Amino acid sequence: MPKPPFAMTMYFPSREEISEHQELGLRPVVLWLPKCDAPNFVSEARRQLTELQHSELNEEQEILDWVDSHFDELLAVMNERQA
């Protein structure tokens, strides 16, 4: 029988580990990830990365514009707090 092209291991926590995690307010989740060998994986990953890069740049610029428009007010508040 041939080996699979990737190693797949399943982790099952002990009851003690489950209790410890629950005491910390954590709960288990299931993550569904895309298959890396899917025909459109690379193109979709590129598309999402490009979209993310543009949204981060846009968001960063919005923050900088807001700070710039409120700079005098922010500087006054900071000076008041230091005094």
C-alpha atoms as a PDB file:
ATOM      1  CA  MET A   1       0.000   0.000   0.000  1.00  0.00           C
ATOM      2  CA  PRO A   2       1.556   3.369  -1.015  1.00  0.00           C
ATOM      3  CA  LYS A   3       2.076   6.061   1.571  1.00  0.00           C
ATOM      4  CA  PRO A   4      -0.063   9.199   1.332  1.00  0.00           C
ATOM      5  CA  PRO A   5       1.692  12.256  -0.153  1.00  0.00           C
ATOM      6  CA  PHE A   6       1.511  13.991   3.225  1.00  0.00           C
ATOM      7  CA  ALA A   7       1.644  12.956   6.828  1.00  0.00           C
ATOM      8  CA  MET A   8      -1.665  13.129   8.608  1.00  0.00           C
ATOM      9  CA  THR A   9      -1.820  12.755  12.336  1.00  0.00           C
ATOM     10  CA  MET A  10      -4.782  13.039  14.613  1.00  0.00           C
ATOM     11  CA  TYR A  11      -4.372  14.484  18.067  1.00  0.00           C
ATOM     12  CA  PHE A  12      -6.802  13.502  20.777  1.00  0.00           C
ATOM     13  CA  PRO A  13      -6.307  15.399  24.049  1.00  0.00           C
ATOM     14  CA  SER A  14      -6.617  13.579  27.339  1.00  0.00           C
ATOM     15  CA  ARG A  15      -9.561  14.281  29.641  1.00  0.00           C
ATOM     16  CA  GLU A  16      -7.179  16.208  31.882  1.00  0.00           C
ATOM     17  CA  GLU A  17      -6.101  18.431  28.989  1.00  0.00           C
ATOM     18  CA  ILE A  18      -9.724  18.996  28.016  1.00  0.00           C
ATOM     19  CA  SER A  19     -10.588  20.021  31.581  1.00  0.00           C
ATOM     20  CA  GLU A  20      -7.615  22.386  31.771  1.00  0.00           C
ATOM     21  CA  HIS A  21      -8.601  24.061  28.527  1.00  0.00           C
ATOM     22  CA  GLN A  22     -12.236  24.372  29.587  1.00  0.00           C
ATOM     23  CA  GLU A  23     -11.183  25.952  32.878  1.00  0.00           C
ATOM     24  CA  LEU A  24      -9.333  28.574  30.838  1.00  0.00           C
ATOM     25  CA  GLY A  25     -12.559  29.338  28.972  1.00  0.00           C
ATOM     26  CA  LEU A  26     -11.437  27.636  25.771  1.00  0.00           C
ATOM     27  CA  ARG A  27     -13.458  25.404  23.507  1.00  0.00           C
ATOM     28  CA  PRO A  28     -12.499  23.116  20.624  1.00  0.00           C
ATOM     29  CA  VAL A  29     -13.006  24.203  17.037  1.00  0.00           C
ATOM     30  CA  VAL A  30     -12.762  22.523  13.647  1.00  0.00           C
ATOM     31  CA  LEU A  31     -10.859  24.233  10.856  1.00  0.00           C
ATOM     32  CA  TRP A  32     -11.602  23.365   7.261  1.00  0.00           C
ATOM     33  CA  LEU A  33      -8.680  24.271   5.051  1.00  0.00           C
ATOM     34  CA  PRO A  34      -8.490  24.201   1.269  1.00  0.00           C
ATOM     35  CA  LYS A  35      -6.701  21.350  -0.411  1.00  0.00           C
ATOM     36  CA  CYS A  36      -3.306  22.560  -1.603  1.00  0.00           C
ATOM     37  CA  ASP A  37      -3.482  20.269  -4.612  1.00  0.00           C
ATOM     38  CA  ALA A  38      -6.820  21.655  -5.815  1.00  0.00           C
ATOM     39  CA  PRO A  39      -6.585  22.949  -9.408  1.00  0.00           C
ATOM     40  CA  ASN A  40      -7.441  26.556  -8.524  1.00  0.00           C
ATOM     41  CA  PHE A  41      -5.600  26.737  -5.184  1.00  0.00           C
ATOM     42  CA  VAL A  42      -2.651  28.859  -6.358  1.00  0.00           C
ATOM     43  CA  SER A  43      -4.741  31.340  -8.350  1.00  0.00           C
ATOM     44  CA  GLU A  44      -7.260  31.741  -5.517  1.00  0.00           C
ATOM     45  CA  ALA A  45      -4.486  32.176  -2.928  1.00  0.00           C
ATOM     46  CA  ARG A  46      -2.898  34.869  -5.104  1.00  0.00           C
ATOM     47  CA  ARG A  47      -6.252  36.612  -5.544  1.00  0.00           C
ATOM     48  CA  GLN A  48      -6.943  36.632  -1.800  1.00  0.00           C
ATOM     49  CA  LEU A  49      -3.421  37.816  -0.968  1.00  0.00           C
ATOM     50  CA  THR A  50      -3.676  40.679  -3.450  1.00  0.00           C
ATOM     51  CA  GLU A  51      -7.078  41.653  -2.040  1.00  0.00           C
ATOM     52  CA  LEU A  52      -5.699  41.568   1.498  1.00  0.00           C
ATOM     53  CA  GLN A  53      -2.670  43.659   0.593  1.00  0.00           C
ATOM     54  CA  HIS A  54      -4.842  46.327  -1.025  1.00  0.00           C
ATOM     55  CA  SER A  55      -7.309  46.410   1.860  1.00  0.00           C
ATOM     56  CA  GLU A  56      -4.494  46.757   4.419  1.00  0.00           C
ATOM     57  CA  LEU A  57      -2.915  49.591   2.450  1.00  0.00           C
ATOM     58  CA  ASN A  58      -6.278  51.308   2.128  1.00  0.00           C
ATOM     59  CA  GLU A  59      -7.058  50.849   5.822  1.00  0.00           C
ATOM     60  CA  GLU A  60      -3.623  52.111   6.832  1.00  0.00           C
ATOM     61  CA  GLN A  61      -4.060  55.180   4.638  1.00  0.00           C
ATOM     62  CA  GLU A  62      -7.486  55.863   6.182  1.00  0.00           C
ATOM     63  CA  ILE A  63      -5.950  55.741   9.663  1.00  0.00           C
ATOM     64  CA  LEU A  64      -3.116  58.059   8.644  1.00  0.00           C
ATOM     65  CA  ASP A  65      -5.597  60.491   7.056  1.00  0.00           C
ATOM     66  CA  TRP A  66      -7.702  60.498  10.237  1.00  0.00           C
ATOM     67  CA  VAL A  67      -4.663  61.111  12.466  1.00  0.00           C
ATOM     68  CA  ASP A  68      -3.508  63.879  10.138  1.00  0.00           C
ATOM     69  CA  SER A  69      -6.928  65.572  10.206  1.00  0.00           C
ATOM     70  CA  HIS A  70      -7.122  65.360  14.023  1.00  0.00           C
ATOM     71  CA  PHE A  71      -3.438  65.953  14.805  1.00  0.00           C
ATOM     72  CA  ASP A  72      -3.843  69.303  16.601  1.00  0.00           C
ATOM     73  CA  GLU A  73      -6.654  67.931  18.757  1.00  0.00           C
ATOM     74  CA  LEU A  74      -4.695  64.773  19.580  1.00  0.00           C
ATOM     75  CA  LEU A  75      -1.581  66.789  20.421  1.00  0.00           C
ATOM     76  CA  ALA A  76      -3.603  69.015  22.797  1.00  0.00           C
ATOM     77  CA  VAL A  77      -5.038  65.962  24.586  1.00  0.00           C
ATOM     78  CA  MET A  78      -1.586  64.401  24.924  1.00  0.00           C
ATOM     79  CA  ASN A  79      -0.146  67.643  26.328  1.00  0.00           C
ATOM     80  CA  GLU A  80      -3.008  67.885  28.857  1.00  0.00           C
ATOM     81  CA  ARG A  81      -2.334  64.342  30.062  1.00  0.00           C
ATOM     82  CA  GLN A  82       1.377  65.053  30.530  1.00  0.00           C
ATOM     83  CA  ALA A  83       0.729  68.230  32.554  1.00  0.00           C
END
